[in-house]
Protein backbone atom coordinates (compact mmCIF):
# COMPACT_ATOMS: atom_id res chain seq x y z
CA GLN A 1 35.95 -107.98 83.47
CA PHE A 2 34.39 -109.54 80.57
CA GLY A 3 36.58 -108.37 78.01
CA GLY A 4 36.59 -105.70 74.68
CA ALA A 5 33.76 -107.61 73.01
CA VAL A 6 31.48 -107.32 75.88
CA GLU A 7 32.29 -103.46 76.24
CA ASP A 8 31.72 -102.97 72.63
CA PHE A 9 28.49 -104.44 72.57
CA SER A 10 27.55 -102.54 76.08
CA MET A 11 29.01 -99.61 74.26
CA ALA A 12 26.24 -99.85 71.21
CA ILE A 13 23.29 -100.31 73.70
CA VAL A 14 24.48 -97.26 75.03
CA PHE A 15 24.50 -95.34 72.03
CA ILE A 16 21.33 -96.81 70.57
CA ALA A 17 19.77 -96.08 73.95
CA VAL A 18 21.06 -92.40 74.18
CA PHE A 19 20.14 -91.69 70.58
CA SER A 20 16.67 -92.78 70.95
CA CYS A 21 15.93 -90.51 73.82
CA LEU A 22 17.59 -87.58 71.68
CA LEU A 23 15.50 -88.41 68.69
CA ALA A 24 12.18 -88.68 70.74
CA ASN A 25 13.13 -85.34 72.58
CA LEU A 26 13.89 -83.60 69.06
CA THR A 27 10.36 -85.01 67.85
CA VAL A 28 8.70 -84.06 70.61
CA ALA A 29 10.24 -80.56 70.33
CA THR A 30 9.65 -80.15 67.01
CA ARG A 31 5.51 -81.47 67.04
CA MET A 32 5.21 -78.92 70.01
CA CYS A 33 6.54 -75.83 67.93
CA TYR A 34 4.81 -76.80 64.50
CA SER A 35 1.41 -77.49 66.90
CA LEU A 36 1.85 -74.17 68.69
CA SER A 37 2.62 -72.32 65.49
CA ARG A 38 -0.31 -73.97 63.68
CA ASP A 39 -2.35 -72.17 66.01
CA LYS A 40 -0.62 -68.90 66.07
CA MET A 41 0.69 -69.30 69.34
CA LEU A 42 4.52 -68.47 68.58
CA PRO A 43 6.44 -65.57 67.05
CA GLY A 44 7.09 -66.52 63.45
CA HIS A 45 3.93 -69.04 63.39
CA GLN A 46 3.93 -67.83 59.47
CA PHE A 47 7.01 -70.06 58.80
CA LEU A 48 7.19 -72.78 61.45
CA SER A 49 3.49 -73.79 60.89
CA ARG A 50 4.44 -74.56 56.98
CA VAL A 51 4.49 -78.22 55.77
CA ASN A 52 6.67 -79.13 52.76
CA ARG A 53 4.40 -80.48 50.15
CA THR A 54 7.16 -83.22 49.11
CA THR A 55 8.10 -84.73 52.43
CA LYS A 56 5.18 -83.86 54.46
CA ILE A 57 7.61 -82.46 57.28
CA PRO A 58 7.06 -79.35 59.08
CA LEU A 59 10.79 -78.47 57.91
CA TYR A 60 10.69 -74.66 59.62
CA SER A 61 10.24 -76.20 63.21
CA LEU A 62 12.33 -79.40 62.44
CA GLY A 63 15.14 -76.43 61.56
CA ILE A 64 14.77 -74.18 64.29
CA VAL A 65 14.92 -77.10 67.08
CA GLY A 66 17.63 -78.76 65.45
CA VAL A 67 19.76 -75.65 65.82
CA ILE A 68 18.81 -74.91 69.27
CA ALA A 69 19.48 -77.93 70.32
CA PHE A 70 22.96 -78.27 68.25
CA GLY A 71 23.52 -74.88 70.22
CA PHE A 72 23.28 -75.88 73.49
CA GLN A 73 26.61 -78.14 72.59
CA PHE A 74 28.71 -74.79 72.41
CA MET A 75 27.57 -73.74 76.13
CA SER A 76 29.58 -74.63 78.89
CA ALA A 77 28.99 -78.34 80.69
CA GLY A 78 26.95 -76.52 83.79
CA ILE A 79 24.71 -74.46 81.63
CA ALA A 80 23.61 -77.00 79.33
CA ALA A 81 23.23 -79.48 82.37
CA ASN A 82 20.55 -77.26 83.93
CA ILE A 83 18.91 -76.21 80.85
CA TYR A 84 18.45 -79.89 80.32
CA ALA A 85 17.19 -80.66 83.62
CA ILE A 86 14.24 -78.29 83.06
CA THR A 87 13.25 -80.63 80.10
CA ALA A 88 12.64 -83.66 82.88
CA THR A 89 11.13 -80.94 85.57
CA MET A 90 8.53 -79.43 83.04
CA TYR A 91 7.60 -82.98 81.43
CA TYR A 92 6.31 -84.04 84.90
CA ALA A 93 4.73 -80.34 85.61
CA THR A 94 2.74 -80.76 82.06
CA TYR A 95 1.64 -84.39 83.40
CA LEU A 96 0.89 -83.03 86.67
CA ILE A 97 -1.28 -79.71 85.27
CA THR A 98 -3.32 -81.88 82.96
CA MET A 99 -4.18 -84.24 86.02
CA VAL A 100 -5.52 -81.67 87.96
CA VAL A 101 -7.10 -79.82 84.90
CA GLY A 102 -8.56 -83.21 84.08
CA TRP A 103 -9.78 -84.34 87.83
CA VAL A 104 -10.85 -80.50 88.11
CA ALA A 105 -12.93 -80.82 85.13
CA LYS A 106 -14.52 -84.16 86.11
CA ARG A 107 -15.37 -82.64 89.48
CA ARG A 108 -17.19 -79.68 87.59
CA GLY A 109 -18.69 -82.29 85.43
CA THR A 110 -17.24 -80.54 82.11
CA LEU A 111 -15.10 -83.59 81.39
CA ARG A 112 -17.04 -85.42 78.70
CA GLU A 113 -17.41 -88.92 78.63
CA ALA A 114 -15.33 -91.29 76.30
CA PRO A 115 -17.11 -92.24 73.01
CA PRO A 116 -18.75 -95.90 73.19
CA GLY A 117 -16.10 -98.35 72.12
CA HIS A 118 -13.29 -96.10 73.64
CA PHE A 119 -11.20 -96.82 76.60
CA ASP A 120 -12.58 -95.53 79.96
CA LEU A 121 -11.21 -95.37 83.40
CA GLY A 122 -14.73 -94.90 84.76
CA ARG A 123 -14.47 -95.18 88.55
CA ALA A 124 -10.71 -95.82 88.53
CA LEU A 125 -10.00 -92.00 87.41
CA LYS A 126 -9.82 -90.78 90.79
CA PRO A 127 -7.62 -92.84 92.70
CA PHE A 128 -5.24 -92.95 89.45
CA THR A 129 -5.22 -89.64 89.38
CA ILE A 130 -4.51 -88.92 92.94
CA ILE A 131 -1.36 -91.47 92.31
CA GLY A 132 -0.31 -89.83 89.58
CA ILE A 133 -0.13 -86.21 91.16
CA ALA A 134 1.36 -87.70 94.21
CA TRP A 135 4.10 -89.28 91.81
CA CYS A 136 4.95 -86.23 89.88
CA LEU A 137 4.99 -83.99 92.86
CA ILE A 138 8.07 -86.73 94.16
CA VAL A 139 9.55 -86.65 91.31
CA ILE A 140 9.83 -82.85 90.65
CA GLY A 141 10.50 -82.52 94.50
CA TYR A 142 13.22 -84.42 94.01
CA MET A 143 14.78 -82.96 91.15
CA THR A 144 14.41 -79.10 92.34
CA ILE A 145 14.42 -79.25 96.48
CA PRO A 146 17.72 -80.69 96.87
CA ALA A 147 20.71 -78.35 97.22
CA VAL A 148 22.52 -79.70 94.13
CA ASN A 149 19.27 -79.51 92.12
CA HIS A 150 18.59 -75.52 93.08
CA MET A 151 20.46 -73.92 90.04
CA ALA A 152 18.14 -76.40 88.02
CA ALA A 153 15.01 -75.21 89.81
CA GLU A 154 15.86 -71.90 89.15
CA TYR A 155 16.16 -72.49 85.81
CA ALA A 156 12.90 -74.32 85.54
CA LEU A 157 11.22 -71.01 86.99
CA GLY A 158 13.01 -68.64 85.00
CA ALA A 159 11.64 -70.61 81.91
CA VAL A 160 8.21 -70.60 83.18
CA ALA A 161 8.52 -66.87 84.04
CA ILE A 162 9.52 -66.12 80.44
CA GLY A 163 6.49 -67.94 79.36
CA ALA A 164 4.14 -66.34 81.22
CA LEU A 165 5.60 -63.00 80.46
CA TYR A 166 4.86 -63.57 76.88
CA TRP A 167 1.59 -64.84 77.75
CA ALA A 168 0.68 -62.03 79.38
CA ALA A 169 2.46 -59.05 77.39
CA PHE A 170 1.22 -60.80 73.62
CA LEU A 171 -0.42 -63.96 73.35
CA ARG A 172 -3.61 -63.47 76.17
CA ARG A 173 -4.72 -60.25 73.72
CA ARG A 174 -4.55 -62.31 70.44
CA ILE A 175 -6.16 -65.39 71.93
CA ASN A 176 -9.04 -63.23 73.38
CA ARG A 177 -9.66 -61.77 70.14
CA GLY A 178 -9.74 -65.03 68.50
CA GLU A 179 -6.19 -64.17 66.54
CA ALA A 180 -4.42 -67.21 68.46
CA GLY A 181 -5.57 -70.55 69.81
CA PRO A 182 -6.77 -73.88 68.30
CA PRO A 183 -9.12 -73.48 65.15
CA GLN A 184 -13.19 -73.57 66.02
CA SER A 185 -13.49 -76.71 63.71
CA SER A 186 -11.34 -78.27 66.07
CA MET A 187 -13.18 -77.12 69.10
CA GLU A 188 -16.15 -78.21 67.94
CA ARG A 189 -14.85 -81.72 66.86
CA LEU A 190 -13.99 -81.55 71.02
CA GLY A 191 -18.08 -81.01 71.82
CA VAL A 192 -17.12 -77.41 72.37
CA ALA A 193 -19.68 -74.88 71.44
CA GLU A 194 -18.81 -71.27 70.53
CA GLY A 195 -18.57 -69.26 73.76
CA ASP A 196 -18.23 -71.90 76.10
CA ALA A 197 -14.64 -72.02 77.78
CA SER A 198 -15.78 -74.31 80.58
CA THR A 199 -15.05 -77.42 78.55
CA PRO A 200 -11.47 -78.52 78.57
């Protein structure tokens, strides 16, 4: 309706938006891969946790994430769409779990107060948490309950099952033995005393 110039401009905006989303997802995935490897939680953590001295970038983590993301492009459109749907579903599931754990910790009295001078929701924590939990449940339900999204829900549950099996078969024992998980110095900075597993 508005001619080729407006069409080209719109396509440029769309390209920038898609590229920004792609970059954000790769950045988040790389950061998560590096962080979990740094804490010895992933197979091959010896390599994935290395940071290049020159670029200050975890090149191995960046490379493996890039290869996996690139490999998705060779899958069928249906399978790729379902795998991508896991990302959105699990993002909100992660937000949901974080809010639930924070609320439970607050009720138990194990959630530390914000240091002086830092932002703190205070009494507003409870209503905001309830709103956030409700919103996450609505979004997760929308992305899994309708019949058109059942396959995406199955893929998401499959991904969770794989993670649970890995934790039960390998990771749990390594964490209990102190061979994996955040270093003690990091826990001390968060105010967690040695042997105190109640503080998040």
